mmCIF file of all heavy atoms, coordinates in Angstrom:
data_MODEL
# 
_entry.id   MODEL 
# 
loop_
_atom_site.group_PDB 
_atom_site.id 
_atom_site.type_symbol 
_atom_site.label_atom_id 
_atom_site.label_alt_id 
_atom_site.label_comp_id 
_atom_site.label_asym_id 
_atom_site.label_entity_id 
_atom_site.label_seq_id 
_atom_site.pdbx_PDB_ins_code 
_atom_site.Cartn_x 
_atom_site.Cartn_y 
_atom_site.Cartn_z 
_atom_site.occupancy 
_atom_site.B_iso_or_equiv 
_atom_site.pdbx_formal_charge 
_atom_site.auth_seq_id 
_atom_site.auth_comp_id 
_atom_site.auth_asym_id 
_atom_site.auth_atom_id 
_atom_site.pdbx_PDB_model_num 
ATOM 1   N N   . LYS A 1 1  ? 48.195 81.440  9.911  1.00 0.00 ? 1  LYS A N   1 
ATOM 2   C CA  . LYS A 1 1  ? 49.067 80.383  10.413 1.00 0.00 ? 1  LYS A CA  1 
ATOM 3   C C   . LYS A 1 1  ? 49.566 79.529  9.242  1.00 0.00 ? 1  LYS A C   1 
ATOM 4   O O   . LYS A 1 1  ? 48.815 79.281  8.288  1.00 0.00 ? 1  LYS A O   1 
ATOM 5   C CB  . LYS A 1 1  ? 48.341 79.525  11.423 1.00 0.00 ? 1  LYS A CB  1 
ATOM 6   C CG  . LYS A 1 1  ? 47.938 80.258  12.676 1.00 0.00 ? 1  LYS A CG  1 
ATOM 7   C CD  . LYS A 1 1  ? 47.254 79.329  13.660 1.00 0.00 ? 1  LYS A CD  1 
ATOM 8   C CE  . LYS A 1 1  ? 46.793 80.049  14.921 1.00 0.00 ? 1  LYS A CE  1 
ATOM 9   N NZ  . LYS A 1 1  ? 46.121 79.140  15.880 1.00 0.00 ? 1  LYS A NZ  1 
ATOM 10  N N   . PHE A 1 2  ? 50.813 79.117  9.341  1.00 0.00 ? 2  PHE A N   1 
ATOM 11  C CA  . PHE A 1 2  ? 51.418 78.276  8.322  1.00 0.00 ? 2  PHE A CA  1 
ATOM 12  C C   . PHE A 1 2  ? 51.799 76.940  8.938  1.00 0.00 ? 2  PHE A C   1 
ATOM 13  O O   . PHE A 1 2  ? 52.282 76.881  10.078 1.00 0.00 ? 2  PHE A O   1 
ATOM 14  C CB  . PHE A 1 2  ? 52.661 78.940  7.716  1.00 0.00 ? 2  PHE A CB  1 
ATOM 15  C CG  . PHE A 1 2  ? 52.413 80.320  7.169  1.00 0.00 ? 2  PHE A CG  1 
ATOM 16  C CD1 . PHE A 1 2  ? 52.671 81.437  7.931  1.00 0.00 ? 2  PHE A CD1 1 
ATOM 17  C CD2 . PHE A 1 2  ? 51.906 80.490  5.894  1.00 0.00 ? 2  PHE A CD2 1 
ATOM 18  C CE1 . PHE A 1 2  ? 52.442 82.719  7.429  1.00 0.00 ? 2  PHE A CE1 1 
ATOM 19  C CE2 . PHE A 1 2  ? 51.683 81.760  5.383  1.00 0.00 ? 2  PHE A CE2 1 
ATOM 20  C CZ  . PHE A 1 2  ? 51.952 82.873  6.161  1.00 0.00 ? 2  PHE A CZ  1 
ATOM 21  N N   . PRO A 1 3  ? 51.602 75.863  8.199  1.00 0.00 ? 3  PRO A N   1 
ATOM 22  C CA  . PRO A 1 3  ? 52.004 74.560  8.729  1.00 0.00 ? 3  PRO A CA  1 
ATOM 23  C C   . PRO A 1 3  ? 53.518 74.462  8.829  1.00 0.00 ? 3  PRO A C   1 
ATOM 24  O O   . PRO A 1 3  ? 54.251 75.008  7.985  1.00 0.00 ? 3  PRO A O   1 
ATOM 25  C CB  . PRO A 1 3  ? 51.431 73.554  7.719  1.00 0.00 ? 3  PRO A CB  1 
ATOM 26  C CG  . PRO A 1 3  ? 51.319 74.328  6.459  1.00 0.00 ? 3  PRO A CG  1 
ATOM 27  C CD  . PRO A 1 3  ? 50.995 75.747  6.873  1.00 0.00 ? 3  PRO A CD  1 
ATOM 28  N N   . ASN A 1 4  ? 53.998 73.776  9.843  1.00 0.00 ? 4  ASN A N   1 
ATOM 29  C CA  . ASN A 1 4  ? 55.441 73.602  10.044 1.00 0.00 ? 4  ASN A CA  1 
ATOM 30  C C   . ASN A 1 4  ? 55.918 72.422  9.170  1.00 0.00 ? 4  ASN A C   1 
ATOM 31  O O   . ASN A 1 4  ? 56.255 71.340  9.661  1.00 0.00 ? 4  ASN A O   1 
ATOM 32  C CB  . ASN A 1 4  ? 55.716 73.339  11.528 1.00 0.00 ? 4  ASN A CB  1 
ATOM 33  C CG  . ASN A 1 4  ? 57.218 73.389  11.857 1.00 0.00 ? 4  ASN A CG  1 
ATOM 34  O OD1 . ASN A 1 4  ? 58.044 73.543  10.979 1.00 0.00 ? 4  ASN A OD1 1 
ATOM 35  N ND2 . ASN A 1 4  ? 57.545 73.300  13.121 1.00 0.00 ? 4  ASN A ND2 1 
ATOM 36  N N   . VAL A 1 5  ? 55.962 72.674  7.861  1.00 0.00 ? 5  VAL A N   1 
ATOM 37  C CA  . VAL A 1 5  ? 56.260 71.606  6.879  1.00 0.00 ? 5  VAL A CA  1 
ATOM 38  C C   . VAL A 1 5  ? 57.659 71.048  7.104  1.00 0.00 ? 5  VAL A C   1 
ATOM 39  O O   . VAL A 1 5  ? 57.874 69.830  6.989  1.00 0.00 ? 5  VAL A O   1 
ATOM 40  C CB  . VAL A 1 5  ? 56.115 72.155  5.435  1.00 0.00 ? 5  VAL A CB  1 
ATOM 41  C CG1 . VAL A 1 5  ? 56.523 71.105  4.434  1.00 0.00 ? 5  VAL A CG1 1 
ATOM 42  C CG2 . VAL A 1 5  ? 54.689 72.618  5.185  1.00 0.00 ? 5  VAL A CG2 1 
ATOM 43  N N   . SER A 1 6  ? 58.586 71.909  7.417  1.00 0.00 ? 6  SER A N   1 
ATOM 44  C CA  . SER A 1 6  ? 60.003 71.450  7.602  1.00 0.00 ? 6  SER A CA  1 
ATOM 45  C C   . SER A 1 6  ? 60.253 70.919  9.007  1.00 0.00 ? 6  SER A C   1 
ATOM 46  O O   . SER A 1 6  ? 61.393 70.589  9.330  1.00 0.00 ? 6  SER A O   1 
ATOM 47  C CB  . SER A 1 6  ? 60.955 72.608  7.302  1.00 0.00 ? 6  SER A CB  1 
ATOM 48  O OG  . SER A 1 6  ? 60.790 73.061  5.978  1.00 0.00 ? 6  SER A OG  1 
ATOM 49  N N   . HIS A 1 7  ? 59.194 70.884  9.831  1.00 0.00 ? 7  HIS A N   1 
ATOM 50  C CA  . HIS A 1 7  ? 59.344 70.371  11.205 1.00 0.00 ? 7  HIS A CA  1 
ATOM 51  C C   . HIS A 1 7  ? 60.417 71.124  12.000 1.00 0.00 ? 7  HIS A C   1 
ATOM 52  O O   . HIS A 1 7  ? 61.266 70.525  12.628 1.00 0.00 ? 7  HIS A O   1 
ATOM 53  C CB  . HIS A 1 7  ? 59.643 68.868  11.217 1.00 0.00 ? 7  HIS A CB  1 
ATOM 54  C CG  . HIS A 1 7  ? 58.595 68.060  10.514 1.00 0.00 ? 7  HIS A CG  1 
ATOM 55  N ND1 . HIS A 1 7  ? 57.278 68.018  10.927 1.00 0.00 ? 7  HIS A ND1 1 
ATOM 56  C CD2 . HIS A 1 7  ? 58.684 67.275  9.399  1.00 0.00 ? 7  HIS A CD2 1 
ATOM 57  C CE1 . HIS A 1 7  ? 56.605 67.216  10.105 1.00 0.00 ? 7  HIS A CE1 1 
ATOM 58  N NE2 . HIS A 1 7  ? 57.412 66.779  9.168  1.00 0.00 ? 7  HIS A NE2 1 
ATOM 59  N N   . LEU A 1 8  ? 60.399 72.435  11.865 1.00 0.00 ? 8  LEU A N   1 
ATOM 60  C CA  . LEU A 1 8  ? 61.388 73.256  12.568 1.00 0.00 ? 8  LEU A CA  1 
ATOM 61  C C   . LEU A 1 8  ? 61.215 73.154  14.073 1.00 0.00 ? 8  LEU A C   1 
ATOM 62  O O   . LEU A 1 8  ? 60.099 73.238  14.571 1.00 0.00 ? 8  LEU A O   1 
ATOM 63  C CB  . LEU A 1 8  ? 61.247 74.721  12.134 1.00 0.00 ? 8  LEU A CB  1 
ATOM 64  C CG  . LEU A 1 8  ? 61.365 75.018  10.625 1.00 0.00 ? 8  LEU A CG  1 
ATOM 65  C CD1 . LEU A 1 8  ? 61.031 76.455  10.343 1.00 0.00 ? 8  LEU A CD1 1 
ATOM 66  C CD2 . LEU A 1 8  ? 62.778 74.692  10.164 1.00 0.00 ? 8  LEU A CD2 1 
ATOM 67  N N   . ASN A 1 9  ? 62.290 72.981  14.773 1.00 0.00 ? 9  ASN A N   1 
ATOM 68  C CA  . ASN A 1 9  ? 62.241 72.959  16.220 1.00 0.00 ? 9  ASN A CA  1 
ATOM 69  C C   . ASN A 1 9  ? 63.494 73.611  16.856 1.00 0.00 ? 9  ASN A C   1 
ATOM 70  O O   . ASN A 1 9  ? 64.011 73.177  17.853 1.00 0.00 ? 9  ASN A O   1 
ATOM 71  C CB  . ASN A 1 9  ? 62.063 71.539  16.752 1.00 0.00 ? 9  ASN A CB  1 
ATOM 72  C CG  . ASN A 1 9  ? 63.244 70.626  16.380 1.00 0.00 ? 9  ASN A CG  1 
ATOM 73  O OD1 . ASN A 1 9  ? 64.046 70.990  15.538 1.00 0.00 ? 9  ASN A OD1 1 
ATOM 74  N ND2 . ASN A 1 9  ? 63.320 69.472  17.018 1.00 0.00 ? 9  ASN A ND2 1 
ATOM 75  N N   . GLU A 1 10 ? 63.951 74.658  16.158 1.00 0.00 ? 10 GLU A N   1 
ATOM 76  C CA  . GLU A 1 10 ? 65.109 75.428  16.641 1.00 0.00 ? 10 GLU A CA  1 
ATOM 77  C C   . GLU A 1 10 ? 64.652 76.742  17.219 1.00 0.00 ? 10 GLU A C   1 
ATOM 78  O O   . GLU A 1 10 ? 63.568 77.257  16.877 1.00 0.00 ? 10 GLU A O   1 
ATOM 79  C CB  . GLU A 1 10 ? 66.068 75.692  15.479 1.00 0.00 ? 10 GLU A CB  1 
ATOM 80  C CG  . GLU A 1 10 ? 66.631 74.439  14.802 1.00 0.00 ? 10 GLU A CG  1 
ATOM 81  C CD  . GLU A 1 10 ? 67.478 73.625  15.737 1.00 0.00 ? 10 GLU A CD  1 
ATOM 82  O OE1 . GLU A 1 10 ? 68.051 74.163  16.664 1.00 0.00 ? 10 GLU A OE1 1 
ATOM 83  O OE2 . GLU A 1 10 ? 67.539 72.373  15.521 1.00 0.00 ? 10 GLU A OE2 1 
ATOM 84  N N   . LEU A 1 11 ? 65.463 77.330  18.076 1.00 0.00 ? 11 LEU A N   1 
ATOM 85  C CA  . LEU A 1 11 ? 65.137 78.579  18.732 1.00 0.00 ? 11 LEU A CA  1 
ATOM 86  C C   . LEU A 1 11 ? 64.955 79.724  17.751 1.00 0.00 ? 11 LEU A C   1 
ATOM 87  O O   . LEU A 1 11 ? 65.790 79.915  16.841 1.00 0.00 ? 11 LEU A O   1 
ATOM 88  C CB  . LEU A 1 11 ? 66.250 78.922  19.727 1.00 0.00 ? 11 LEU A CB  1 
ATOM 89  C CG  . LEU A 1 11 ? 66.167 80.308  20.395 1.00 0.00 ? 11 LEU A CG  1 
ATOM 90  C CD1 . LEU A 1 11 ? 64.930 80.440  21.223 1.00 0.00 ? 11 LEU A CD1 1 
ATOM 91  C CD2 . LEU A 1 11 ? 67.422 80.550  21.263 1.00 0.00 ? 11 LEU A CD2 1 
ATOM 92  N N   . MET A 1 12 ? 63.859 80.450  17.888 1.00 0.00 ? 12 MET A N   1 
ATOM 93  C CA  . MET A 1 12 ? 63.604 81.657  17.095 1.00 0.00 ? 12 MET A CA  1 
ATOM 94  C C   . MET A 1 12 ? 63.510 82.840  18.068 1.00 0.00 ? 12 MET A C   1 
ATOM 95  O O   . MET A 1 12 ? 62.892 82.731  19.109 1.00 0.00 ? 12 MET A O   1 
ATOM 96  C CB  . MET A 1 12 ? 62.291 81.562  16.322 1.00 0.00 ? 12 MET A CB  1 
ATOM 97  C CG  . MET A 1 12 ? 62.250 80.455  15.310 1.00 0.00 ? 12 MET A CG  1 
ATOM 98  S SD  . MET A 1 12 ? 60.780 80.584  14.245 1.00 0.00 ? 12 MET A SD  1 
ATOM 99  C CE  . MET A 1 12 ? 59.461 80.530  15.450 1.00 0.00 ? 12 MET A CE  1 
ATOM 100 N N   . ILE A 1 13 ? 64.135 83.963  17.687 1.00 0.00 ? 13 ILE A N   1 
ATOM 101 C CA  . ILE A 1 13 ? 64.076 85.175  18.542 1.00 0.00 ? 13 ILE A CA  1 
ATOM 102 C C   . ILE A 1 13 ? 63.558 86.328  17.682 1.00 0.00 ? 13 ILE A C   1 
ATOM 103 O O   . ILE A 1 13 ? 64.062 86.570  16.577 1.00 0.00 ? 13 ILE A O   1 
ATOM 104 C CB  . ILE A 1 13 ? 65.462 85.510  19.115 1.00 0.00 ? 13 ILE A CB  1 
ATOM 105 C CG1 . ILE A 1 13 ? 65.948 84.383  20.010 1.00 0.00 ? 13 ILE A CG1 1 
ATOM 106 C CG2 . ILE A 1 13 ? 65.396 86.817  19.903 1.00 0.00 ? 13 ILE A CG2 1 
ATOM 107 C CD1 . ILE A 1 13 ? 67.363 84.586  20.544 1.00 0.00 ? 13 ILE A CD1 1 
ATOM 108 N N   . ILE A 1 14 ? 62.570 87.007  18.162 1.00 0.00 ? 14 ILE A N   1 
ATOM 109 C CA  . ILE A 1 14 ? 61.986 88.180  17.487 1.00 0.00 ? 14 ILE A CA  1 
ATOM 110 C C   . ILE A 1 14 ? 62.208 89.380  18.380 1.00 0.00 ? 14 ILE A C   1 
ATOM 111 O O   . ILE A 1 14 ? 61.833 89.368  19.545 1.00 0.00 ? 14 ILE A O   1 
ATOM 112 C CB  . ILE A 1 14 ? 60.481 87.976  17.201 1.00 0.00 ? 14 ILE A CB  1 
ATOM 113 C CG1 . ILE A 1 14 ? 60.250 86.735  16.358 1.00 0.00 ? 14 ILE A CG1 1 
ATOM 114 C CG2 . ILE A 1 14 ? 59.919 89.205  16.508 1.00 0.00 ? 14 ILE A CG2 1 
ATOM 115 C CD1 . ILE A 1 14 ? 59.919 85.505  17.129 1.00 0.00 ? 14 ILE A CD1 1 
ATOM 116 N N   . GLY A 1 15 ? 62.792 90.430  17.803 1.00 0.00 ? 15 GLY A N   1 
ATOM 117 C CA  . GLY A 1 15 ? 62.986 91.645  18.585 1.00 0.00 ? 15 GLY A CA  1 
ATOM 118 C C   . GLY A 1 15 ? 64.300 92.335  18.289 1.00 0.00 ? 15 GLY A C   1 
ATOM 119 O O   . GLY A 1 15 ? 65.099 91.818  17.517 1.00 0.00 ? 15 GLY A O   1 
ATOM 120 N N   . PRO A 1 16 ? 64.520 93.493  18.878 1.00 0.00 ? 16 PRO A N   1 
ATOM 121 C CA  . PRO A 1 16 ? 63.572 94.126  19.816 1.00 0.00 ? 16 PRO A CA  1 
ATOM 122 C C   . PRO A 1 16 ? 62.375 94.769  19.106 1.00 0.00 ? 16 PRO A C   1 
ATOM 123 O O   . PRO A 1 16 ? 62.546 95.418  18.070 1.00 0.00 ? 16 PRO A O   1 
ATOM 124 C CB  . PRO A 1 16 ? 64.411 95.192  20.510 1.00 0.00 ? 16 PRO A CB  1 
ATOM 125 C CG  . PRO A 1 16 ? 65.500 95.519  19.512 1.00 0.00 ? 16 PRO A CG  1 
ATOM 126 C CD  . PRO A 1 16 ? 65.764 94.262  18.746 1.00 0.00 ? 16 PRO A CD  1 
ATOM 127 N N   . ILE A 1 17 ? 61.201 94.571  19.678 1.00 0.00 ? 17 ILE A N   1 
ATOM 128 C CA  . ILE A 1 17 ? 59.969 95.217  19.198 1.00 0.00 ? 17 ILE A CA  1 
ATOM 129 C C   . ILE A 1 17 ? 59.736 96.456  20.041 1.00 0.00 ? 17 ILE A C   1 
ATOM 130 O O   . ILE A 1 17 ? 59.642 96.366  21.278 1.00 0.00 ? 17 ILE A O   1 
ATOM 131 C CB  . ILE A 1 17 ? 58.769 94.249  19.312 1.00 0.00 ? 17 ILE A CB  1 
ATOM 132 C CG1 . ILE A 1 17 ? 58.991 92.981  18.479 1.00 0.00 ? 17 ILE A CG1 1 
ATOM 133 C CG2 . ILE A 1 17 ? 57.476 94.944  18.898 1.00 0.00 ? 17 ILE A CG2 1 
ATOM 134 C CD1 . ILE A 1 17 ? 57.960 91.898  18.719 1.00 0.00 ? 17 ILE A CD1 1 
ATOM 135 N N   . THR A 1 18 ? 59.633 97.599  19.412 1.00 0.00 ? 18 THR A N   1 
ATOM 136 C CA  . THR A 1 18 ? 59.369 98.843  20.162 1.00 0.00 ? 18 THR A CA  1 
ATOM 137 C C   . THR A 1 18 ? 57.924 98.836  20.655 1.00 0.00 ? 18 THR A C   1 
ATOM 138 O O   . THR A 1 18 ? 57.009 98.568  19.873 1.00 0.00 ? 18 THR A O   1 
ATOM 139 C CB  . THR A 1 18 ? 59.600 100.072 19.272 1.00 0.00 ? 18 THR A CB  1 
ATOM 140 O OG1 . THR A 1 18 ? 60.947 100.044 18.799 1.00 0.00 ? 18 THR A OG1 1 
ATOM 141 C CG2 . THR A 1 18 ? 59.361 101.349 20.038 1.00 0.00 ? 18 THR A CG2 1 
ATOM 142 N N   . VAL A 1 19 ? 57.767 99.120  21.945 1.00 0.00 ? 19 VAL A N   1 
ATOM 143 C CA  . VAL A 1 19 ? 56.400 99.124  22.503 1.00 0.00 ? 19 VAL A CA  1 
ATOM 144 C C   . VAL A 1 19 ? 56.117 100.447 23.195 1.00 0.00 ? 19 VAL A C   1 
ATOM 145 O O   . VAL A 1 19 ? 56.980 101.091 23.738 1.00 0.00 ? 19 VAL A O   1 
ATOM 146 C CB  . VAL A 1 19 ? 56.195 97.960  23.502 1.00 0.00 ? 19 VAL A CB  1 
ATOM 147 C CG1 . VAL A 1 19 ? 56.237 96.623  22.804 1.00 0.00 ? 19 VAL A CG1 1 
ATOM 148 C CG2 . VAL A 1 19 ? 57.231 98.002  24.632 1.00 0.00 ? 19 VAL A CG2 1 
ATOM 149 N N   . ARG A 1 20 ? 54.845 100.800 23.129 1.00 0.00 ? 20 ARG A N   1 
ATOM 150 C CA  . ARG A 1 20 ? 54.357 102.043 23.792 1.00 0.00 ? 20 ARG A CA  1 
ATOM 151 C C   . ARG A 1 20 ? 53.094 101.680 24.529 1.00 0.00 ? 20 ARG A C   1 
ATOM 152 O O   . ARG A 1 20 ? 52.152 101.142 23.959 1.00 0.00 ? 20 ARG A O   1 
ATOM 153 C CB  . ARG A 1 20 ? 54.070 103.131 22.750 1.00 0.00 ? 20 ARG A CB  1 
ATOM 154 C CG  . ARG A 1 20 ? 55.251 103.497 21.883 1.00 0.00 ? 20 ARG A CG  1 
ATOM 155 C CD  . ARG A 1 20 ? 54.837 104.252 20.652 1.00 0.00 ? 20 ARG A CD  1 
ATOM 156 N NE  . ARG A 1 20 ? 55.951 104.393 19.734 1.00 0.00 ? 20 ARG A NE  1 
ATOM 157 C CZ  . ARG A 1 20 ? 56.322 103.481 18.829 1.00 0.00 ? 20 ARG A CZ  1 
ATOM 158 N NH1 . ARG A 1 20 ? 55.626 102.342 18.724 1.00 0.00 ? 20 ARG A NH1 1 
ATOM 159 N NH2 . ARG A 1 20 ? 57.335 103.688 18.026 1.00 0.00 ? 20 ARG A NH2 1 
ATOM 160 N N   . SER A 1 21 ? 53.098 101.950 25.797 1.00 0.00 ? 21 SER A N   1 
ATOM 161 C CA  . SER A 1 21 ? 51.934 101.634 26.630 1.00 0.00 ? 21 SER A CA  1 
ATOM 162 C C   . SER A 1 21 ? 51.696 102.786 27.570 1.00 0.00 ? 21 SER A C   1 
ATOM 163 O O   . SER A 1 21 ? 52.266 103.892 27.407 1.00 0.00 ? 21 SER A O   1 
ATOM 164 C CB  . SER A 1 21 ? 52.145 100.308 27.367 1.00 0.00 ? 21 SER A CB  1 
ATOM 165 O OG  . SER A 1 21 ? 50.944 99.848  27.959 1.00 0.00 ? 21 SER A OG  1 
ATOM 166 N N   . ALA A 1 22 ? 50.886 102.542 28.604 1.00 0.00 ? 22 ALA A N   1 
ATOM 167 C CA  . ALA A 1 22 ? 50.616 103.599 29.598 1.00 0.00 ? 22 ALA A CA  1 
ATOM 168 C C   . ALA A 1 22 ? 50.385 102.946 30.956 1.00 0.00 ? 22 ALA A C   1 
ATOM 169 O O   . ALA A 1 22 ? 49.754 101.893 31.047 1.00 0.00 ? 22 ALA A O   1 
ATOM 170 C CB  . ALA A 1 22 ? 49.400 104.434 29.217 1.00 0.00 ? 22 ALA A CB  1 
ATOM 171 N N   . CYS A 1 23 ? 50.908 103.582 31.993 1.00 0.00 ? 23 CYS A N   1 
ATOM 172 C CA  . CYS A 1 23 ? 50.723 103.073 33.352 1.00 0.00 ? 23 CYS A CA  1 
ATOM 173 C C   . CYS A 1 23 ? 49.273 103.350 33.784 1.00 0.00 ? 23 CYS A C   1 
ATOM 174 O O   . CYS A 1 23 ? 48.798 104.482 33.663 1.00 0.00 ? 23 CYS A O   1 
ATOM 175 C CB  . CYS A 1 23 ? 51.704 103.792 34.255 1.00 0.00 ? 23 CYS A CB  1 
ATOM 176 S SG  . CYS A 1 23 ? 51.385 103.550 36.022 1.00 0.00 ? 23 CYS A SG  1 
ATOM 177 N N   . SER A 1 24 ? 48.607 102.337 34.273 1.00 0.00 ? 24 SER A N   1 
ATOM 178 C CA  . SER A 1 24 ? 47.212 102.524 34.661 1.00 0.00 ? 24 SER A CA  1 
ATOM 179 C C   . SER A 1 24 ? 47.056 103.287 35.963 1.00 0.00 ? 24 SER A C   1 
ATOM 180 O O   . SER A 1 24 ? 45.960 103.658 36.330 1.00 0.00 ? 24 SER A O   1 
ATOM 181 C CB  . SER A 1 24 ? 46.522 101.145 34.800 1.00 0.00 ? 24 SER A CB  1 
ATOM 182 O OG  . SER A 1 24 ? 47.247 100.278 35.618 1.00 0.00 ? 24 SER A OG  1 
ATOM 183 N N   . HIS A 1 25 ? 48.177 103.538 36.676 1.00 0.00 ? 25 HIS A N   1 
ATOM 184 C CA  . HIS A 1 25 ? 48.098 104.294 37.917 1.00 0.00 ? 25 HIS A CA  1 
ATOM 185 C C   . HIS A 1 25 ? 48.019 105.796 37.662 1.00 0.00 ? 25 HIS A C   1 
ATOM 186 O O   . HIS A 1 25 ? 47.291 106.519 38.349 1.00 0.00 ? 25 HIS A O   1 
ATOM 187 C CB  . HIS A 1 25 ? 49.304 104.016 38.788 1.00 0.00 ? 25 HIS A CB  1 
ATOM 188 C CG  . HIS A 1 25 ? 49.415 102.571 39.220 1.00 0.00 ? 25 HIS A CG  1 
ATOM 189 N ND1 . HIS A 1 25 ? 50.628 101.952 39.500 1.00 0.00 ? 25 HIS A ND1 1 
ATOM 190 C CD2 . HIS A 1 25 ? 48.477 101.637 39.403 1.00 0.00 ? 25 HIS A CD2 1 
ATOM 191 C CE1 . HIS A 1 25 ? 50.413 100.707 39.864 1.00 0.00 ? 25 HIS A CE1 1 
ATOM 192 N NE2 . HIS A 1 25 ? 49.106 100.479 39.802 1.00 0.00 ? 25 HIS A NE2 1 
ATOM 193 N N   . HIS A 1 26 ? 48.767 106.297 36.677 1.00 0.00 ? 26 HIS A N   1 
ATOM 194 C CA  . HIS A 1 26 ? 48.826 107.729 36.397 1.00 0.00 ? 26 HIS A CA  1 
ATOM 195 C C   . HIS A 1 26 ? 48.554 108.076 34.935 1.00 0.00 ? 26 HIS A C   1 
ATOM 196 O O   . HIS A 1 26 ? 48.578 109.237 34.559 1.00 0.00 ? 26 HIS A O   1 
ATOM 197 C CB  . HIS A 1 26 ? 50.189 108.312 36.793 1.00 0.00 ? 26 HIS A CB  1 
ATOM 198 C CG  . HIS A 1 26 ? 50.471 108.224 38.255 1.00 0.00 ? 26 HIS A CG  1 
ATOM 199 N ND1 . HIS A 1 26 ? 51.199 107.191 38.827 1.00 0.00 ? 26 HIS A ND1 1 
ATOM 200 C CD2 . HIS A 1 26 ? 50.148 109.038 39.296 1.00 0.00 ? 26 HIS A CD2 1 
ATOM 201 C CE1 . HIS A 1 26 ? 51.301 107.360 40.105 1.00 0.00 ? 26 HIS A CE1 1 
ATOM 202 N NE2 . HIS A 1 26 ? 50.682 108.465 40.433 1.00 0.00 ? 26 HIS A NE2 1 
ATOM 203 N N   . LEU A 1 27 ? 48.353 107.040 34.082 1.00 0.00 ? 27 LEU A N   1 
ATOM 204 C CA  . LEU A 1 27 ? 48.182 107.243 32.661 1.00 0.00 ? 27 LEU A CA  1 
ATOM 205 C C   . LEU A 1 27 ? 49.395 107.930 32.036 1.00 0.00 ? 27 LEU A C   1 
ATOM 206 O O   . LEU A 1 27 ? 49.293 108.669 31.066 1.00 0.00 ? 27 LEU A O   1 
ATOM 207 C CB  . LEU A 1 27 ? 46.892 108.027 32.321 1.00 0.00 ? 27 LEU A CB  1 
ATOM 208 C CG  . LEU A 1 27 ? 45.593 107.394 32.768 1.00 0.00 ? 27 LEU A CG  1 
ATOM 209 C CD1 . LEU A 1 27 ? 44.396 108.195 32.241 1.00 0.00 ? 27 LEU A CD1 1 
ATOM 210 C CD2 . LEU A 1 27 ? 45.465 105.935 32.338 1.00 0.00 ? 27 LEU A CD2 1 
ATOM 211 N N   . CYS A 1 28 ? 50.562 107.651 32.618 1.00 0.00 ? 28 CYS A N   1 
ATOM 212 C CA  . CYS A 1 28 ? 51.810 108.167 32.047 1.00 0.00 ? 28 CYS A CA  1 
ATOM 213 C C   . CYS A 1 28 ? 52.392 107.132 31.082 1.00 0.00 ? 28 CYS A C   1 
ATOM 214 O O   . CYS A 1 28 ? 52.177 105.930 31.242 1.00 0.00 ? 28 CYS A O   1 
ATOM 215 C CB  . CYS A 1 28 ? 52.827 108.441 33.171 1.00 0.00 ? 28 CYS A CB  1 
ATOM 216 S SG  . CYS A 1 28 ? 52.480 109.918 34.156 1.00 0.00 ? 28 CYS A SG  1 
# 
């Protein structure tokens, strides 16, 4: 973690992050 020295309070957007998961119903 880094301190918010500049007191930033503007909107930040990260993405798109590619994700891979699995359905717990069928493990698909």
